[in-house]
Protein backbone atom coordinates (compact mmCIF):
# COMPACT_ATOMS: atom_id res chain seq x y z
CA MET A 1 0.00 0.00 0.00
CA ASN A 2 1.31 3.45 -0.93
CA LEU A 3 1.02 5.86 2.02
CA GLN A 4 1.17 9.50 0.98
CA TYR A 5 2.97 12.10 3.06
CA ARG A 6 0.38 14.60 4.34
CA GLY A 7 2.58 16.98 6.28
CA SER A 8 4.48 17.59 9.49
CA GLY A 9 3.13 19.03 12.70
CA ARG A 10 2.73 18.05 16.30
CA VAL A 11 0.73 15.68 18.48
CA PHE A 12 -0.46 16.33 21.99
CA LEU A 13 0.73 13.42 24.08
CA LYS A 14 1.49 12.99 27.78
CA ASP A 15 0.76 16.66 28.51
CA LYS A 16 3.32 17.85 25.98
CA GLU A 17 3.67 18.54 22.29
CA MET A 18 5.84 16.25 20.16
CA PRO A 19 6.82 16.71 16.48
CA CYS A 20 5.27 14.29 14.03
CA ASP A 21 4.85 13.34 10.38
CA LEU A 22 1.51 12.04 9.10
CA TYR A 23 1.01 9.62 6.20
CA TYR A 24 -2.27 8.10 5.02
CA ASN A 25 -4.08 6.73 1.99
CA GLU A 26 -7.74 7.72 2.00
CA LYS A 27 -8.53 5.33 -0.87
CA GLU A 28 -7.13 2.22 0.81
CA GLY A 29 -7.24 3.04 4.51
CA GLY A 30 -3.59 2.84 5.65
CA ILE A 31 -2.45 5.36 8.30
CA LEU A 32 1.09 5.97 9.65
CA LEU A 33 2.13 8.47 12.31
CA ILE A 34 5.81 9.08 13.05
CA ILE A 35 6.38 10.76 16.41
CA LYS A 36 9.82 12.32 16.99
CA SER A 37 11.61 12.70 20.30
CA LYS A 38 14.79 14.78 20.56
CA HIS A 39 16.90 13.61 23.49
CA GLY A 40 20.51 14.41 22.55
CA LYS A 41 21.70 10.89 23.38
CA ILE A 42 23.22 8.24 21.18
CA MET A 43 20.29 5.91 21.82
CA GLY A 44 16.76 6.89 22.76
CA ASP A 45 14.42 5.24 25.24
CA PHE A 46 12.42 2.54 23.45
CA LEU A 47 9.71 2.75 26.11
CA GLU A 48 9.48 6.54 26.24
CA LEU A 49 6.09 6.19 24.53
CA PRO A 50 3.53 3.42 25.16
CA LEU A 51 3.48 0.54 22.68
CA GLU A 52 -0.27 1.04 22.28
CA ILE A 53 -2.00 4.45 22.27
CA PRO A 54 -5.83 4.41 22.35
CA TYR A 55 -6.33 7.97 21.10
CA VAL A 56 -4.19 10.96 20.18
CA CYS A 57 -4.88 14.40 18.70
CA GLY A 58 -2.64 16.47 16.48
CA GLN A 59 -2.31 19.40 14.12
CA LEU A 60 -0.23 19.77 10.96
CA ASP A 61 1.67 22.93 10.14
CA ASP A 62 -0.93 23.85 7.52
CA GLY A 63 -3.63 23.98 10.24
CA PHE A 64 -5.20 20.55 9.54
CA ASN A 65 -6.52 19.07 12.79
CA PHE A 66 -6.75 15.31 13.16
CA ALA A 67 -7.29 12.56 15.70
CA LEU A 68 -6.06 8.98 15.50
CA VAL A 69 -7.71 5.95 17.10
CA HIS A 70 -6.01 2.72 18.24
CA LEU A 71 -2.32 3.22 17.46
CA GLY A 72 0.27 0.46 17.72
CA ASN A 73 4.08 0.89 17.67
CA ARG A 74 5.54 -1.02 14.74
CA ARG A 75 9.09 0.29 14.66
CA THR A 76 11.49 2.60 16.51
CA ASN A 77 14.48 4.24 14.78
CA ASP A 78 17.38 6.19 16.31
CA THR A 79 19.17 8.87 14.28
CA ILE A 80 22.48 9.08 16.11
CA LEU A 81 23.81 12.28 14.53
CA SER A 82 20.72 14.35 15.33
CA GLY A 83 19.87 12.62 18.59
CA ILE A 84 16.27 12.01 17.48
CA THR A 85 14.26 8.86 18.03
CA GLU A 86 11.39 8.16 15.67
CA TYR A 87 8.43 6.08 16.85
CA HIS A 88 6.41 4.59 13.96
CA PHE A 89 2.76 4.01 14.84
CA LEU A 90 0.13 2.41 12.63
CA ALA A 91 -3.35 3.73 13.40
CA GLU A 92 -6.67 2.04 12.76
CA TYR A 93 -8.72 5.20 12.13
CA LEU A 94 -8.15 8.85 11.27
CA LEU A 95 -10.73 11.53 12.13
CA CYS A 96 -10.35 14.54 9.85
CA GLY A 97 -10.77 18.11 11.06
CA VAL A 98 -11.14 17.34 14.76
CA GLY A 99 -8.71 17.33 17.64
CA ARG A 100 -8.45 18.51 21.20
CA THR A 101 -5.20 19.19 22.99
CA LEU A 102 -6.54 17.45 26.10
CA ASN A 103 -6.90 14.23 24.09
CA GLN A 104 -10.53 13.80 25.08
CA GLU A 105 -11.79 11.22 22.64
CA GLN A 106 -14.23 12.49 20.03
CA LEU A 107 -17.80 11.27 20.50
CA PHE A 108 -20.45 10.86 17.80
CA LYS A 109 -24.21 10.84 17.76
CA ARG A 110 -24.46 9.42 14.22
CA ILE A 111 -22.20 7.72 11.71
CA ASP A 112 -23.05 6.97 8.08
CA PHE A 113 -21.43 3.93 6.44
CA THR A 114 -21.54 4.10 2.64
CA ILE A 115 -21.36 0.59 1.16
CA SER A 116 -20.32 -0.18 -2.39
CA ASP A 117 -22.70 -1.91 -4.77
CA ILE A 118 -25.70 -2.71 -2.57
CA VAL A 119 -28.36 -0.47 -4.11
CA GLU A 120 -29.75 -3.26 -6.29
CA TRP A 121 -29.89 -5.61 -3.29
CA GLY A 122 -31.55 -2.90 -1.20
CA GLY A 123 -34.34 -2.57 -3.76
CA GLU A 124 -34.64 1.21 -3.37
CA SER A 125 -33.61 4.05 -5.68
CA VAL A 126 -33.63 7.82 -5.52
CA TYR A 127 -34.86 7.82 -9.14
CA SER A 128 -38.13 6.75 -10.72
CA ILE A 129 -39.43 6.37 -14.26
CA GLY A 130 -42.65 8.18 -15.21
CA GLU A 131 -45.51 7.14 -17.46
CA LYS A 132 -43.75 8.63 -20.48
CA TYR A 133 -40.47 6.93 -19.52
CA GLU A 134 -39.01 10.15 -18.22
CA LEU A 135 -36.47 9.91 -15.41
CA THR A 136 -37.33 11.85 -12.25
CA ARG A 137 -35.78 12.13 -8.82
CA LYS A 138 -37.95 11.18 -5.87
CA GLU A 139 -38.96 13.87 -3.43
CA GLY A 140 -37.86 13.42 0.16
CA ALA A 141 -35.54 10.87 1.74
CA VAL A 142 -35.38 7.28 0.53
CA GLN A 143 -34.96 5.54 3.85
CA LYS A 144 -36.08 2.42 5.74
CA THR A 145 -35.73 1.59 9.41
CA ILE A 146 -33.71 -1.57 10.05
CA TYR A 147 -33.72 -1.64 13.83
CA GLU A 148 -34.92 0.60 16.63
CA GLY A 149 -33.94 0.04 20.26
CA ASP A 150 -33.75 1.96 23.50
CA GLU A 151 -30.16 3.15 22.92
CA TYR A 152 -29.83 3.42 19.15
CA SER A 153 -31.56 3.02 15.81
CA ILE A 154 -30.33 1.77 12.44
CA SER A 155 -31.59 2.83 9.01
CA TYR A 156 -30.85 2.06 5.38
CA ARG A 157 -30.74 5.16 3.19
CA VAL A 158 -30.08 5.79 -0.49
CA GLU A 159 -28.50 8.98 -1.77
CA GLY A 160 -27.79 9.90 -5.37
CA SER A 161 -26.69 12.55 -7.82
CA LEU A 162 -28.97 15.43 -8.77
CA LEU A 163 -30.50 15.32 -12.22
CA PRO A 164 -29.29 17.91 -14.75
CA VAL A 165 -31.09 21.24 -14.35
CA ALA A 166 -29.28 23.40 -16.93
CA ASP A 167 -28.64 23.08 -20.66
CA TYR A 168 -24.86 22.91 -20.29
CA GLN A 169 -25.24 19.87 -18.01
CA ILE A 170 -26.98 17.85 -20.71
CA GLN A 171 -24.74 18.97 -23.58
CA LYS A 172 -22.30 16.17 -22.93
CA GLU A 173 -21.63 12.86 -24.63
CA HIS A 174 -21.80 11.03 -21.31
CA ILE A 175 -24.14 11.95 -18.49
CA GLU A 176 -23.49 9.93 -15.36
CA LEU A 177 -25.69 9.47 -12.31
CA GLU A 178 -24.55 7.75 -9.15
CA GLN A 179 -26.40 6.47 -6.10
CA ASN A 180 -25.15 4.79 -2.94
CA GLY A 181 -26.61 2.64 -0.19
CA ILE A 182 -25.87 3.91 3.32
CA ILE A 183 -26.24 2.28 6.72
CA GLU A 184 -27.01 5.01 9.24
CA ILE A 185 -26.52 4.35 12.97
CA ASP A 186 -27.97 6.90 15.44
CA PHE A 187 -27.33 6.86 19.18
CA LYS A 188 -29.53 8.81 21.56
CA GLN A 189 -26.45 9.62 23.65
CA GLU A 190 -23.09 10.37 21.97
CA LYS A 191 -20.72 7.39 21.89
CA LYS A 192 -17.16 6.49 20.88
CA LEU A 193 -16.32 5.34 17.36
CA GLU A 194 -15.68 1.74 18.43
CA GLN A 195 -19.27 1.36 19.66
CA PHE A 196 -20.60 2.33 16.23
CA LEU A 197 -18.16 -0.06 14.57
CA GLU A 198 -19.26 -2.95 16.77
CA ILE A 199 -22.88 -2.49 15.72
CA PHE A 200 -22.08 -1.89 12.08
CA ASN A 201 -19.94 -5.03 11.86
CA ARG A 202 -22.93 -7.09 12.98
CA ILE A 203 -25.08 -5.56 10.26
CA LYS A 204 -22.31 -6.04 7.71
CA ARG A 205 -22.04 -9.75 8.49
CA LEU A 206 -25.76 -10.26 7.97
CA ILE A 207 -25.65 -8.39 4.66
CA GLU A 208 -22.67 -10.52 3.57
CA ILE A 209 -24.55 -13.73 4.29
CA ALA A 210 -27.54 -12.44 2.32
CA LEU A 211 -25.36 -11.36 -0.62
CA LEU A 212 -22.86 -14.26 -0.51
CA ARG A 213 -19.96 -11.85 -0.91
CA LYS A 214 -17.72 -9.54 1.07
CA VAL A 215 -19.10 -6.05 1.68
CA ASN A 216 -16.90 -3.01 1.07
CA ILE A 217 -17.17 0.21 3.10
CA GLU A 218 -16.50 3.03 0.69
CA LYS A 219 -16.94 5.94 3.08
CA MET A 220 -17.52 6.72 6.76
CA GLU A 221 -18.82 10.06 7.95
CA GLY A 222 -19.60 10.98 11.55
CA TYR A 223 -21.70 13.71 13.15
CA SER A 224 -21.40 15.24 16.60
CA ASN A 225 -23.15 17.93 18.58
CA SER A 226 -19.75 19.52 19.22
CA ILE A 227 -18.70 19.81 15.55
CA VAL A 228 -20.85 22.43 13.84
CA ASP A 229 -20.52 25.31 11.39
CA LYS A 230 -22.39 28.57 11.80
CA VAL A 231 -23.91 30.19 8.72
CA ALA A 232 -25.56 33.51 9.56
CA GLU A 233 -28.00 32.61 12.32
CA HIS A 234 -28.07 28.90 11.47
CA THR A 235 -26.03 26.09 13.01
CA ILE A 236 -25.19 23.24 10.62
CA GLU A 237 -23.67 19.93 11.65
CA ARG A 238 -20.39 19.33 9.85
CA GLY A 239 -19.63 15.83 8.68
CA ILE A 240 -16.38 14.33 9.97
CA GLU A 241 -14.60 12.17 7.40
CA ILE A 242 -13.22 8.95 8.87
CA TYR A 243 -10.52 6.90 7.14
CA GLY A 244 -9.16 3.58 8.29
CA ILE A 245 -9.39 -0.19 8.37
CA GLY A 246 -11.83 -1.59 5.83
CA VAL A 247 -12.64 1.82 4.35
CA ALA A 248 -11.57 1.72 0.71
CA GLU A 249 -12.62 3.09 -2.64
CA GLY A 250 -14.97 0.59 -4.22
CA LYS A 251 -14.99 -0.79 -7.75
CA PRO A 252 -18.24 -1.77 -9.51
CA LEU A 253 -18.67 -5.54 -9.46
CA GLN A 254 -18.99 -7.42 -12.72
CA ARG A 255 -21.47 -10.26 -12.33
CA GLU A 256 -23.92 -12.23 -14.40
CA GLU A 257 -27.57 -11.19 -14.21
CA PRO A 258 -28.82 -14.50 -12.68
CA TRP A 259 -26.63 -13.87 -9.62
CA ARG A 260 -29.37 -11.73 -8.08
CA TRP A 261 -31.55 -14.85 -7.65
CA LYS A 262 -28.99 -16.14 -5.15
CA TRP A 263 -29.61 -13.21 -2.81
CA LEU A 264 -31.83 -12.99 0.19
CA SER A 265 -32.93 -9.45 -0.48
CA PHE A 266 -33.18 -6.53 1.91
CA SER A 267 -36.98 -6.67 1.68
CA ASP A 268 -36.88 -10.37 2.67
CA LEU A 269 -34.89 -9.50 5.80
CA ILE A 270 -37.21 -6.60 6.66
CA GLU A 271 -40.33 -8.73 6.16
CA LYS A 272 -39.05 -11.45 8.49
CA HIS A 273 -37.65 -8.97 11.06
CA SER A 274 -34.28 -10.64 10.57
CA PHE A 275 -32.28 -7.68 11.86
CA GLU A 276 -34.14 -7.72 15.17
CA HIS A 277 -33.65 -11.48 15.52
CA TYR A 278 -30.00 -11.10 14.63
CA PHE A 279 -29.39 -8.50 17.31
CA ASP A 280 -31.21 -10.62 19.90
CA LYS A 281 -29.15 -13.72 19.06
CA GLY A 282 -26.00 -12.03 17.77
CA GLU A 283 -23.69 -13.22 20.54
CA LYS A 284 -24.70 -16.88 20.15
CA LEU A 285 -24.60 -16.70 16.36
CA ALA A 286 -21.29 -14.81 16.13
CA PRO A 287 -18.82 -17.75 15.88
CA ILE A 288 -21.13 -19.61 13.48
CA VAL A 289 -21.43 -16.60 11.18
CA GLU A 290 -17.67 -15.96 11.32
CA LEU A 291 -16.92 -19.54 10.29
CA LEU A 292 -19.39 -19.24 7.42
CA LEU A 293 -17.97 -15.92 6.19
CA GLU A 294 -14.25 -16.62 6.59
CA PRO A 295 -13.83 -17.97 3.01
CA LEU A 296 -15.14 -14.64 1.69
CA TYR A 297 -12.24 -12.86 3.39
CA VAL A 298 -9.50 -15.42 2.77
CA SER A 299 -8.65 -15.45 -0.92
CA ARG A 300 -8.23 -18.85 -2.52
CA SER A 301 -9.26 -20.85 0.51
CA SER A 302 -8.60 -24.55 -0.04
CA HIS A 303 -11.55 -26.92 -0.39
CA SER A 304 -10.54 -28.70 2.82
CA ARG A 305 -10.42 -25.44 4.79
CA VAL A 306 -13.90 -24.38 3.65
CA PHE A 307 -15.23 -27.87 4.39
CA LEU A 308 -13.75 -27.83 7.90
CA ASN A 309 -15.19 -24.36 8.54
CA VAL A 310 -18.71 -25.42 7.56
CA VAL A 311 -18.60 -28.64 9.60
CA GLN A 312 -17.34 -26.72 12.64
CA ALA A 313 -20.12 -24.16 12.16
CA LEU A 314 -22.74 -26.94 12.10
CA GLU A 315 -21.32 -28.52 15.25
CA THR A 316 -21.23 -25.14 16.99
CA TYR A 317 -24.80 -24.37 15.94
CA HIS A 318 -26.12 -27.66 17.34
CA SER A 319 -24.21 -27.18 20.59
CA ARG A 320 -25.44 -23.61 21.09
CA PHE A 321 -28.99 -23.73 19.76
CA VAL A 322 -30.11 -27.36 20.19
CA THR A 323 -28.30 -28.99 23.12
CA ASN A 324 -24.90 -29.80 24.53
CA ASP A 325 -26.23 -32.21 27.16
CA LEU A 326 -26.34 -35.94 26.38
CA ASP A 327 -29.42 -36.65 28.51
CA GLU A 328 -31.31 -33.80 26.85
CA PHE A 329 -30.26 -35.11 23.45
CA LYS A 330 -31.53 -38.62 24.27
CA GLU A 331 -34.88 -37.16 25.34
CA ARG A 332 -35.00 -35.10 22.13
CA VAL A 333 -34.37 -38.20 20.02
CA GLU A 334 -37.15 -40.14 21.75
CA ASN A 335 -39.59 -37.29 21.14
CA LEU A 336 -38.62 -37.25 17.45
CA LEU A 337 -39.11 -41.03 17.17
CA LYS A 338 -42.64 -40.86 18.63
CA SER A 339 -43.85 -39.26 15.40
CA ARG A 340 -42.30 -41.98 13.23
CA SER A 341 -44.88 -44.76 13.55
CA GLY A 342 -44.53 -47.36 10.82
CA PHE A 343 -40.79 -46.80 10.44
CA ASP A 344 -37.83 -48.80 11.69
CA ILE A 345 -37.65 -47.08 15.09
CA GLU A 346 -34.62 -49.02 16.27
CA GLY A 347 -32.81 -48.23 13.06
CA GLU A 348 -33.64 -44.54 13.41
CA ARG A 349 -32.55 -44.56 17.05
CA ASP A 350 -29.25 -46.13 16.04
CA PHE A 351 -28.89 -43.47 13.31
CA PHE A 352 -29.04 -40.76 15.98
CA MET A 353 -27.28 -42.44 18.89
CA LYS A 354 -24.88 -45.17 17.74
CA SER A 355 -21.75 -43.06 18.22
CA SER A 356 -22.86 -41.05 21.27
CA LYS A 357 -22.12 -43.01 24.43
CA LYS A 358 -20.49 -40.53 26.84
CA PHE A 359 -21.05 -37.28 24.94
CA ILE A 360 -22.82 -36.02 21.81
CA THR A 361 -20.55 -36.73 18.87
CA LEU A 362 -20.30 -34.79 15.62
CA GLU A 363 -21.94 -37.71 13.82
CA SER A 364 -25.00 -37.55 16.08
CA ARG A 365 -25.23 -33.78 15.77
CA LEU A 366 -25.14 -34.04 11.97
CA ALA A 367 -27.80 -36.76 12.02
CA ASP A 368 -30.08 -34.50 14.08
CA LEU A 369 -29.52 -31.48 11.82
CA LEU A 370 -29.97 -33.58 8.66
CA THR A 371 -33.32 -34.89 9.94
CA ALA A 372 -34.58 -31.34 10.66
CA GLU A 373 -37.45 -32.71 12.79
CA TRP A 374 -38.86 -34.32 9.62
CA LYS A 375 -39.86 -30.89 8.29
CA ILE A 376 -37.59 -30.69 5.26
CA TYR A 377 -35.51 -33.00 3.08
CA PHE A 378 -31.83 -32.25 2.46
CA ASP A 379 -30.10 -33.64 -0.61
CA THR A 380 -27.13 -35.91 0.23
CA GLY A 381 -26.09 -36.66 -3.34
CA GLU A 382 -24.73 -40.16 -3.92
CA ILE A 383 -24.32 -40.83 -0.20
CA LEU A 384 -27.23 -42.60 1.48
CA ARG A 385 -28.98 -40.54 4.13
CA CYS A 386 -28.17 -43.15 6.79
CA ASP A 387 -24.44 -42.96 5.93
CA PHE A 388 -24.11 -39.20 5.38
CA PRO A 389 -23.34 -38.08 8.98
CA ALA A 390 -20.68 -40.77 9.39
CA VAL A 391 -19.00 -39.95 6.07
CA ILE A 392 -18.84 -36.25 6.94
CA ALA A 393 -17.52 -36.97 10.46
CA HIS A 394 -14.83 -39.36 9.16
CA THR A 395 -13.84 -36.85 6.49
CA ARG A 396 -13.52 -34.08 9.08
CA ASN A 397 -11.32 -36.32 11.25
CA TYR A 398 -9.16 -37.28 8.29
CA TYR A 399 -8.53 -33.70 7.10
CA ILE A 400 -7.73 -32.59 10.66
CA HIS A 401 -5.34 -35.42 11.51
CA TYR A 402 -4.37 -36.76 8.04
CA ASP A 403 -4.39 -40.23 9.57
CA GLU A 404 -4.37 -42.69 6.67
CA ARG A 405 -5.88 -45.36 8.92
CA ILE A 406 -9.16 -43.40 8.84
CA LYS A 407 -9.14 -43.55 5.06
CA LYS A 408 -8.54 -47.29 5.05
CA ARG A 409 -11.23 -47.99 7.64
CA ASP A 410 -14.02 -45.59 6.60
CA ARG A 411 -15.26 -43.71 3.59
CA VAL A 412 -13.64 -40.28 3.27
CA LEU A 413 -14.57 -37.64 0.70
CA SER A 414 -11.89 -37.01 -1.91
CA GLU A 415 -10.53 -33.56 -2.78
CA GLU A 416 -12.77 -33.59 -5.87
CA GLU A 417 -15.87 -34.43 -3.83
CA LEU A 418 -15.25 -31.85 -1.11
CA PRO A 419 -16.60 -28.72 -2.90
CA ILE A 420 -19.77 -30.56 -3.97
CA TYR A 421 -20.63 -31.95 -0.55
CA THR A 422 -19.55 -28.73 1.14
CA ARG A 423 -22.40 -27.07 -0.73
CA ALA A 424 -24.75 -29.74 0.62
CA LEU A 425 -23.58 -28.86 4.12
CA LEU A 426 -23.96 -25.16 3.40
CA GLN A 427 -27.61 -25.71 2.56
CA ILE A 428 -28.11 -27.34 5.95
CA LEU A 429 -26.16 -24.65 7.81
CA GLU A 430 -27.92 -21.74 6.13
CA TYR A 431 -31.31 -23.35 6.67
CA TYR A 432 -30.80 -23.23 10.43
CA ILE A 433 -29.27 -19.75 10.40
CA TRP A 434 -32.24 -18.36 8.53
CA LEU A 435 -34.64 -20.17 10.85
CA GLU A 436 -33.02 -18.29 13.74
CA LEU A 437 -33.42 -15.06 11.77
CA GLY A 438 -37.17 -15.30 11.34
CA PHE A 439 -37.67 -17.54 8.29
CA THR A 440 -39.73 -20.01 10.33
CA GLU A 441 -42.65 -20.58 7.99
CA GLU A 442 -43.05 -22.19 4.57
CA ASN A 443 -39.89 -24.33 4.69
CA TYR A 444 -40.20 -25.23 1.04
CA LYS A 445 -39.61 -21.57 0.12
CA ILE A 446 -36.40 -21.50 2.15
CA LYS A 447 -35.30 -24.76 0.50
CA LYS A 448 -35.97 -23.30 -2.94
CA LYS A 449 -33.88 -20.23 -2.15
CA LEU A 450 -31.06 -22.39 -0.79
CA MET A 451 -31.12 -24.47 -3.99
CA GLU A 452 -30.75 -21.26 -5.99
CA ARG A 453 -27.79 -20.27 -3.83
CA TRP A 454 -25.93 -23.60 -3.67
CA GLY A 455 -27.31 -25.73 -6.49
CA ASN A 456 -28.80 -29.24 -6.70
CA ILE A 457 -26.12 -31.68 -5.55
CA SER A 458 -27.69 -34.83 -7.02
CA ASP A 459 -28.25 -33.25 -10.44
CA GLU A 460 -24.69 -31.96 -10.53
CA LEU A 461 -23.24 -35.38 -9.65
CA GLN A 462 -25.43 -37.05 -12.27
CA ILE A 463 -24.15 -34.69 -14.98
CA ILE A 464 -20.55 -35.28 -13.91
CA ASN A 465 -21.02 -39.08 -14.03
CA MET A 466 -22.74 -38.96 -17.43
CA SER A 467 -19.93 -36.81 -18.82
CA GLU A 468 -17.25 -39.16 -17.49
CA LYS A 469 -18.99 -42.23 -18.90
CA LEU A 470 -19.52 -40.58 -22.29
CA HIS A 471 -15.93 -39.46 -22.72
CA THR A 472 -14.46 -42.64 -21.24
CA SER A 473 -16.43 -44.77 -23.74
CA LYS A 474 -15.16 -42.65 -26.65
CA GLU A 475 -11.57 -43.14 -25.56
């Protein structure tokens, strides 16, 4: 990352002013602060400044005020001839145009997070098309409430360019309009930046699951009661630009048109009150969601890593939302079997319990999740339903330990089979996540959406087998 030099000045630290140089890249988010200490010695004191600084204010020589949040010392250099020690700090966030010599951390009442390329998913536009196909701009704000609690509220807003209003604006070969989706978080009492980030990151994870892709923050802008501009007799809140981790200039995504059918749209989430459910269950869901989303953030994740993530997420879900007590699990199984008159009850009981003697094993947890209380059928491809939990459990054990004895003793999925059956597991995992987020009715509709997102495993395997047979016979 190329960090641009922004100027020299001073920071207010430990009740004194210290010279500094500031570097940052507003398009990619990197921030570097070099603090200088003149001591006149051959070697400076490495611990003169803390290794971690939560918050510091400063001012450049050109008058630009700034504040940095969460700084960490990455390097210390001594210039022997000048007797100056340079402390290199990387900062997580830069607040532009604010700063107090007392280093009292800046508080905000509202922060807007502009997200790249979500307007189509959000289903709202600042423009509309009239009866004569003329383009008009809607009057008033285009905004929907996502969540409203006692301490804060969250809204989704769309902002866009103004339409041309003068002849010279339309006398161009290319007329461009732009609109952006914005997540707006409002606190009733002013709070620190990190509290806004904590809430936004929850929202971002839910949007990423719905979109099946990583979400990019293109811009952050904060508002505070203490940062205002006066124009005549009016007081206007001044937006505070915030640069930092995860804030980067976005590029339009190139995707095929059918990709939109894989989404769970914003209107779906609003209709099912998914945001409210997510905030209520966010702490319990957090590790499951992180395991699901990790491949989006790790480029070129191996098939085995994604498989292990999904299996771990399923095990964690069952432990947290179903049961982690063996006696409770046995009682649950018996209640499930009561509704299975006419079936091989002993065989079904063995399917659930054969590997769980002293604790609930992964195989038993997978069997329970696969059954889904008999409400929905999950495709297991070429693996029989009764064998599927065991095959997945043995495969997980093999790819964790790489013990060839497991492969000789039990069936283990090959590297080629992993991505196919991982998608089967993703259908199961997402089914339960969306149940927790309000999609509790009309299971067949959820299953249809999951098929659109992850495909039909049996059909895909059938096509692969037919292709192999056809080309093998020709050879």
